[in-house]
Amino acid sequence: MRRLFLAESDIRSDEVSCEKVTASVAKSYGLQRGGHNHHLVQDGLRLLNLPRGEDGSLSPESLNIMHSTINKLSNGALQSVAKIISRTKCSFNKTRPLLREIVTYHLPCYLAKLDHEDVIMSELSEILINPGSYQSDSLSLVTPVSPLLLSSINQALDRLDGIPDQALVAVNRKLIGKTSMPKFWHVPRSSSRGHLIEIVRKRCKMIIARIEEGYMPKRLAKAMSMVNLYWKQKLRSMDISQLEYFPFSKETASLQNDVLNALWLLPKLQHDDLKLLRPILDPDPKFRKMQFRVSLRKYF
């Protein structure tokens, strides 16, 4: 008779303890990215506001939303939610499938017994709207507009004079929602610098004045992130003390950091290294050799 075995790792990956060990190792090696601290998970907000029947029943569409959100929660968050909604202080030493089953069974009834205000102010809400509670990176995040955020935006706008033309153009493109593919060669602008700064400030202030529902519009968040990226590059720091305006995915943030590192290393590149790069980026020579390094920096 043939014996079949299940690898221990297949079981332990669903346990809370395994998740804690993995997070601890990732943190010690600097692989864990912080951030998203002042953003809220839209998936969690939507779950808390699902229409329910008096008995806690949910429509098929609402059930799909609930299952989708629960599946994105981390093991630790699932355990915390299970303890809250089952109203027990018992320790849940259970695997992910069992925790998910407990949450799926108890959550609709738990939400039905609470008023809307109670739900929003509850411990459950703090878990469901916290980006750190999710193992998935495919989350819809929103950024509440706070006095701290507005102050940070105004400070960024006050420093636009110190930003080069190319960065200003990128900020303006984000504000109007215009996309542009990176080009290696320099594209001259017709508008004057002072006029462009005035336009950017005016557009930002118009968007701020029309903010609805207390959340920061994505185009403004992306525009302010361009300002942040410039100052990171200028100050040579990944952790400058400015708010993260737009919650980029881990992959995008990693790519941004790679580009920043490339910019910082560019002055150290020897002539022979540049000779290897030139046929790749400038196959039909448009620049003299002395201009290539400057053009490469602008491209990055």
Protein backbone atom coordinates (compact mmCIF):
# COMPACT_ATOMS: atom_id res chain seq x y z
CA MET A 1 0.00 0.00 0.00
CA ARG A 2 1.40 3.39 -1.03
CA ARG A 3 1.59 6.02 1.71
CA LEU A 4 0.94 9.66 0.89
CA PHE A 5 2.26 12.48 3.03
CA LEU A 6 1.31 16.12 3.22
CA ALA A 7 4.23 18.52 3.54
CA GLU A 8 4.32 20.36 6.87
CA SER A 9 4.79 23.66 5.05
CA ASP A 10 1.43 23.16 3.28
CA ILE A 11 -0.26 23.06 6.68
CA ARG A 12 1.73 25.65 8.57
CA SER A 13 1.32 28.33 5.88
CA ASP A 14 -2.31 28.55 7.01
CA GLU A 15 -1.42 29.05 10.68
CA VAL A 16 -1.11 32.34 12.55
CA SER A 17 2.20 31.32 14.13
CA CYS A 18 3.79 30.68 10.72
CA GLU A 19 2.67 34.10 9.49
CA LYS A 20 4.28 35.78 12.51
CA VAL A 21 7.59 33.99 11.90
CA THR A 22 7.54 34.93 8.20
CA ALA A 23 6.83 38.59 9.01
CA SER A 24 9.61 38.64 11.63
CA VAL A 25 12.16 37.23 9.18
CA ALA A 26 11.08 39.65 6.42
CA LYS A 27 11.37 42.60 8.83
CA SER A 28 14.86 41.58 9.99
CA TYR A 29 16.08 41.48 6.39
CA GLY A 30 14.41 44.77 5.49
CA LEU A 31 12.01 43.06 3.10
CA GLN A 32 8.86 44.30 4.79
CA ARG A 33 7.60 47.59 3.45
CA GLY A 34 5.95 49.96 5.89
CA GLY A 35 3.63 52.70 4.76
CA HIS A 36 -0.06 52.93 3.92
CA ASN A 37 -0.44 54.00 7.57
CA HIS A 38 -2.88 56.84 6.87
CA HIS A 39 -4.82 55.10 4.09
CA LEU A 40 -8.01 53.08 4.56
CA VAL A 41 -9.05 49.84 2.85
CA GLN A 42 -12.07 50.53 0.66
CA ASP A 43 -12.88 46.80 0.59
CA GLY A 44 -13.28 46.87 4.39
CA LEU A 45 -15.35 50.05 4.34
CA ARG A 46 -17.67 48.52 1.78
CA LEU A 47 -18.04 45.35 3.87
CA LEU A 48 -19.00 47.36 6.96
CA ASN A 49 -21.67 49.21 4.97
CA LEU A 50 -23.30 46.24 3.24
CA PRO A 51 -27.14 46.35 3.29
CA ARG A 52 -28.46 43.57 5.54
CA GLY A 53 -31.80 42.08 6.45
CA GLU A 54 -33.14 42.13 10.02
CA ASP A 55 -31.83 38.61 10.55
CA GLY A 56 -28.43 39.58 9.20
CA SER A 57 -29.02 37.99 5.81
CA LEU A 58 -27.03 39.27 2.84
CA SER A 59 -27.86 39.33 -0.85
CA PRO A 60 -25.80 37.10 -3.19
CA GLU A 61 -23.84 40.15 -4.37
CA SER A 62 -23.11 41.22 -0.78
CA LEU A 63 -22.03 37.67 0.09
CA ASN A 64 -19.52 37.77 -2.76
CA ILE A 65 -18.12 41.04 -1.43
CA MET A 66 -17.84 39.56 2.07
CA HIS A 67 -16.10 36.39 0.87
CA SER A 68 -13.71 38.37 -1.33
CA THR A 69 -12.69 40.67 1.55
CA ILE A 70 -12.33 37.84 4.06
CA ASN A 71 -10.10 35.90 1.66
CA LYS A 72 -7.70 38.86 1.50
CA LEU A 73 -7.27 39.10 5.29
CA SER A 74 -4.07 37.84 6.89
CA ASN A 75 -4.17 34.85 9.23
CA GLY A 76 -3.68 37.09 12.27
CA ALA A 77 -6.46 39.46 11.22
CA LEU A 78 -8.79 36.52 10.61
CA GLN A 79 -8.05 35.25 14.10
CA SER A 80 -8.79 38.67 15.64
CA VAL A 81 -12.05 39.02 13.70
CA ALA A 82 -13.11 35.51 14.74
CA LYS A 83 -12.56 36.34 18.41
CA ILE A 84 -14.55 39.59 18.17
CA ILE A 85 -17.60 38.35 16.31
CA SER A 86 -17.89 34.99 18.12
CA ARG A 87 -17.79 36.92 21.43
CA THR A 88 -15.29 34.58 23.06
CA LYS A 89 -11.96 35.02 24.79
CA CYS A 90 -10.83 31.52 23.87
CA SER A 91 -7.58 31.15 21.98
CA PHE A 92 -8.08 30.23 18.34
CA ASN A 93 -5.24 27.88 17.48
CA LYS A 94 -6.87 27.06 14.18
CA THR A 95 -5.80 26.99 10.57
CA ARG A 96 -6.96 29.51 8.01
CA PRO A 97 -9.86 27.44 6.54
CA LEU A 98 -11.42 27.00 9.99
CA LEU A 99 -10.99 30.67 10.89
CA ARG A 100 -12.54 31.68 7.57
CA GLU A 101 -15.50 29.37 8.26
CA ILE A 102 -16.06 30.92 11.71
CA VAL A 103 -15.96 34.47 10.31
CA THR A 104 -18.25 33.63 7.38
CA TYR A 105 -20.84 32.10 9.71
CA HIS A 106 -20.87 34.75 12.47
CA LEU A 107 -20.12 38.03 10.65
CA PRO A 108 -23.55 38.75 9.04
CA CYS A 109 -25.41 38.26 12.35
CA TYR A 110 -22.82 40.29 14.26
CA LEU A 111 -23.16 43.25 11.87
CA ALA A 112 -26.97 43.02 11.92
CA LYS A 113 -27.06 43.52 15.70
CA LEU A 114 -25.00 46.72 15.61
CA ASP A 115 -26.06 50.20 14.57
CA HIS A 116 -24.11 51.78 11.73
CA GLU A 117 -22.29 54.16 14.09
CA ASP A 118 -21.37 51.29 16.42
CA VAL A 119 -19.90 49.33 13.52
CA ILE A 120 -17.79 52.26 12.29
CA MET A 121 -16.40 52.92 15.80
CA SER A 122 -15.88 49.25 16.68
CA GLU A 123 -12.68 47.26 17.10
CA LEU A 124 -13.80 45.23 14.09
CA SER A 125 -13.76 48.37 11.95
CA GLU A 126 -10.18 49.15 12.98
CA ILE A 127 -9.11 45.75 11.67
CA LEU A 128 -11.09 45.76 8.42
CA ILE A 129 -10.00 49.24 7.27
CA ASN A 130 -6.33 48.78 8.23
CA PRO A 131 -4.09 47.93 5.21
CA GLY A 132 -1.80 45.99 7.55
CA SER A 133 -4.59 43.47 8.17
CA TYR A 134 -4.43 42.09 4.65
CA GLN A 135 -2.05 39.63 3.02
CA SER A 136 -3.15 40.63 -0.47
CA ASP A 137 -1.63 43.60 -2.26
CA SER A 138 -4.65 43.90 -4.57
CA LEU A 139 -6.59 46.27 -2.32
CA SER A 140 -8.56 49.37 -3.11
CA LEU A 141 -7.27 52.06 -0.75
CA VAL A 142 -8.63 55.54 -0.07
CA THR A 143 -6.92 58.44 1.66
CA PRO A 144 -8.98 60.45 4.17
CA VAL A 145 -8.35 64.18 3.99
CA SER A 146 -7.01 65.33 7.35
CA PRO A 147 -5.50 68.62 8.59
CA LEU A 148 -2.08 66.91 8.56
CA LEU A 149 -2.50 65.84 4.94
CA LEU A 150 -3.67 69.31 3.84
CA SER A 151 -0.74 70.90 5.67
CA SER A 152 1.67 68.54 3.89
CA ILE A 153 0.13 69.36 0.50
CA ASN A 154 0.42 73.11 1.12
CA GLN A 155 4.07 72.69 2.13
CA ALA A 156 4.74 70.76 -1.06
CA LEU A 157 3.07 73.47 -3.15
CA ASP A 158 5.14 76.15 -1.43
CA ARG A 159 8.31 74.35 -2.53
CA LEU A 160 7.43 74.03 -6.22
CA ASP A 161 9.98 76.74 -7.05
CA GLY A 162 12.74 74.30 -6.12
CA ILE A 163 11.56 71.59 -8.53
CA PRO A 164 13.02 71.32 -12.07
CA ASP A 165 10.92 71.71 -15.21
CA GLN A 166 10.75 68.01 -16.00
CA ALA A 167 9.28 67.16 -12.58
CA LEU A 168 6.80 70.05 -12.86
CA VAL A 169 5.60 68.74 -16.21
CA ALA A 170 5.08 65.29 -14.62
CA VAL A 171 3.08 66.83 -11.75
CA ASN A 172 0.89 68.75 -14.19
CA ARG A 173 0.26 65.62 -16.28
CA LYS A 174 -0.97 63.74 -13.22
CA LEU A 175 -3.33 66.60 -12.33
CA ILE A 176 -5.00 66.59 -15.74
CA GLY A 177 -4.90 62.78 -16.05
CA LYS A 178 -2.67 62.78 -19.12
CA THR A 179 -0.35 59.81 -19.63
CA SER A 180 2.98 59.97 -21.40
CA MET A 181 5.45 57.24 -22.31
CA PRO A 182 9.06 57.90 -21.19
CA LYS A 183 11.28 59.14 -24.02
CA PHE A 184 15.03 59.03 -23.98
CA TRP A 185 15.48 62.23 -25.91
CA HIS A 186 14.59 65.57 -24.36
CA VAL A 187 11.29 67.12 -25.46
CA PRO A 188 11.37 70.95 -25.17
CA ARG A 189 8.45 72.79 -23.57
CA SER A 190 6.86 75.95 -24.85
CA SER A 191 5.28 77.31 -21.64
CA SER A 192 7.39 79.33 -19.22
CA ARG A 193 8.43 77.94 -15.86
CA GLY A 194 6.65 80.60 -13.79
CA HIS A 195 3.43 80.07 -15.71
CA LEU A 196 3.63 76.29 -15.20
CA ILE A 197 4.14 76.67 -11.43
CA GLU A 198 1.14 78.99 -11.26
CA ILE A 199 -1.02 76.51 -13.22
CA VAL A 200 -0.02 73.57 -10.99
CA ARG A 201 -0.78 75.49 -7.78
CA LYS A 202 -4.11 76.73 -9.14
CA ARG A 203 -5.20 73.25 -10.23
CA CYS A 204 -4.22 71.71 -6.90
CA LYS A 205 -6.13 74.32 -4.92
CA MET A 206 -9.22 73.91 -7.15
CA ILE A 207 -9.20 70.15 -6.53
CA ILE A 208 -8.78 70.64 -2.77
CA ALA A 209 -11.72 73.08 -2.72
CA ARG A 210 -13.96 70.48 -4.41
CA ILE A 211 -12.96 67.45 -2.34
CA GLU A 212 -15.99 65.27 -1.69
CA GLU A 213 -16.69 62.60 0.92
CA GLY A 214 -13.51 63.44 2.75
CA TYR A 215 -11.21 61.38 0.52
CA MET A 216 -8.24 62.59 -1.49
CA PRO A 217 -8.78 62.38 -5.30
CA LYS A 218 -6.33 59.99 -6.99
CA ARG A 219 -5.08 62.54 -9.52
CA LEU A 220 -4.10 64.94 -6.75
CA ALA A 221 -2.49 62.10 -4.76
CA LYS A 222 -0.48 60.99 -7.80
CA ALA A 223 0.59 64.57 -8.55
CA MET A 224 1.81 65.11 -4.99
CA SER A 225 3.64 61.76 -5.17
CA MET A 226 5.65 63.13 -8.09
CA VAL A 227 6.78 65.95 -5.80
CA ASN A 228 7.73 63.40 -3.14
CA LEU A 229 9.72 61.33 -5.62
CA TYR A 230 11.70 64.38 -6.70
CA TRP A 231 12.64 65.27 -3.12
CA LYS A 232 13.59 61.66 -2.40
CA GLN A 233 15.94 61.82 -5.37
CA LYS A 234 17.25 65.25 -4.42
CA LEU A 235 17.79 64.49 -0.72
CA ARG A 236 19.04 60.93 -1.43
CA SER A 237 16.68 59.42 1.10
CA MET A 238 14.05 56.69 0.75
CA ASP A 239 12.43 57.73 4.02
CA ILE A 240 12.03 61.49 3.84
CA SER A 241 9.64 62.85 6.45
CA GLN A 242 6.71 63.49 4.14
CA LEU A 243 3.35 61.78 3.98
CA GLU A 244 2.82 59.08 1.41
CA TYR A 245 0.07 60.60 -0.72
CA PHE A 246 -0.69 57.72 -3.06
CA PRO A 247 -0.52 54.06 -1.94
CA PHE A 248 1.63 52.53 -4.68
CA SER A 249 1.74 48.74 -4.89
CA LYS A 250 4.84 46.95 -3.57
CA GLU A 251 5.99 46.23 -7.12
CA THR A 252 5.68 49.88 -8.19
CA ALA A 253 7.40 51.15 -5.03
CA SER A 254 10.23 48.66 -5.58
CA LEU A 255 10.65 49.85 -9.18
CA GLN A 256 10.69 53.49 -8.04
CA ASN A 257 13.43 52.68 -5.53
CA ASP A 258 15.45 50.87 -8.21
CA VAL A 259 15.25 53.94 -10.45
CA LEU A 260 16.29 56.21 -7.55
CA ASN A 261 19.27 53.98 -6.82
CA ALA A 262 20.23 54.08 -10.51
CA LEU A 263 20.11 57.89 -10.43
CA TRP A 264 22.30 58.04 -7.33
CA LEU A 265 24.85 55.64 -8.88
CA LEU A 266 24.92 57.38 -12.27
CA PRO A 267 27.70 59.89 -11.36
CA LYS A 268 29.92 56.94 -10.41
CA LEU A 269 29.58 55.19 -13.79
CA GLN A 270 32.83 55.09 -15.73
CA HIS A 271 33.08 56.02 -19.39
CA ASP A 272 33.38 52.36 -20.44
CA ASP A 273 30.12 51.53 -18.65
CA LEU A 274 28.33 54.35 -20.43
CA LYS A 275 29.64 53.06 -23.76
CA LEU A 276 27.84 49.76 -23.05
CA LEU A 277 24.57 51.52 -22.24
CA ARG A 278 24.52 53.89 -25.18
CA PRO A 279 23.75 51.36 -28.01
CA ILE A 280 20.79 50.08 -25.92
CA LEU A 281 19.19 53.43 -25.07
CA ASP A 282 20.36 55.51 -28.02
CA PRO A 283 20.77 53.12 -31.00
CA ASP A 284 20.55 55.97 -33.52
CA PRO A 285 22.93 58.47 -31.87
CA LYS A 286 21.01 61.68 -31.20
CA PHE A 287 23.47 63.08 -28.65
CA ARG A 288 27.16 63.76 -28.49
CA LYS A 289 29.10 61.61 -26.03
CA MET A 290 29.30 64.43 -23.49
CA GLN A 291 25.49 64.82 -23.52
CA PHE A 292 24.65 61.16 -23.00
CA ARG A 293 25.06 61.14 -19.20
CA VAL A 294 22.81 64.21 -18.83
CA SER A 295 20.18 62.70 -21.16
CA LEU A 296 20.29 59.42 -19.21
CA ARG A 297 19.65 61.27 -15.94
CA LYS A 298 16.66 63.10 -17.47
CA TYR A 299 15.29 59.80 -18.79
CA PHE A 300 15.47 58.19 -15.34
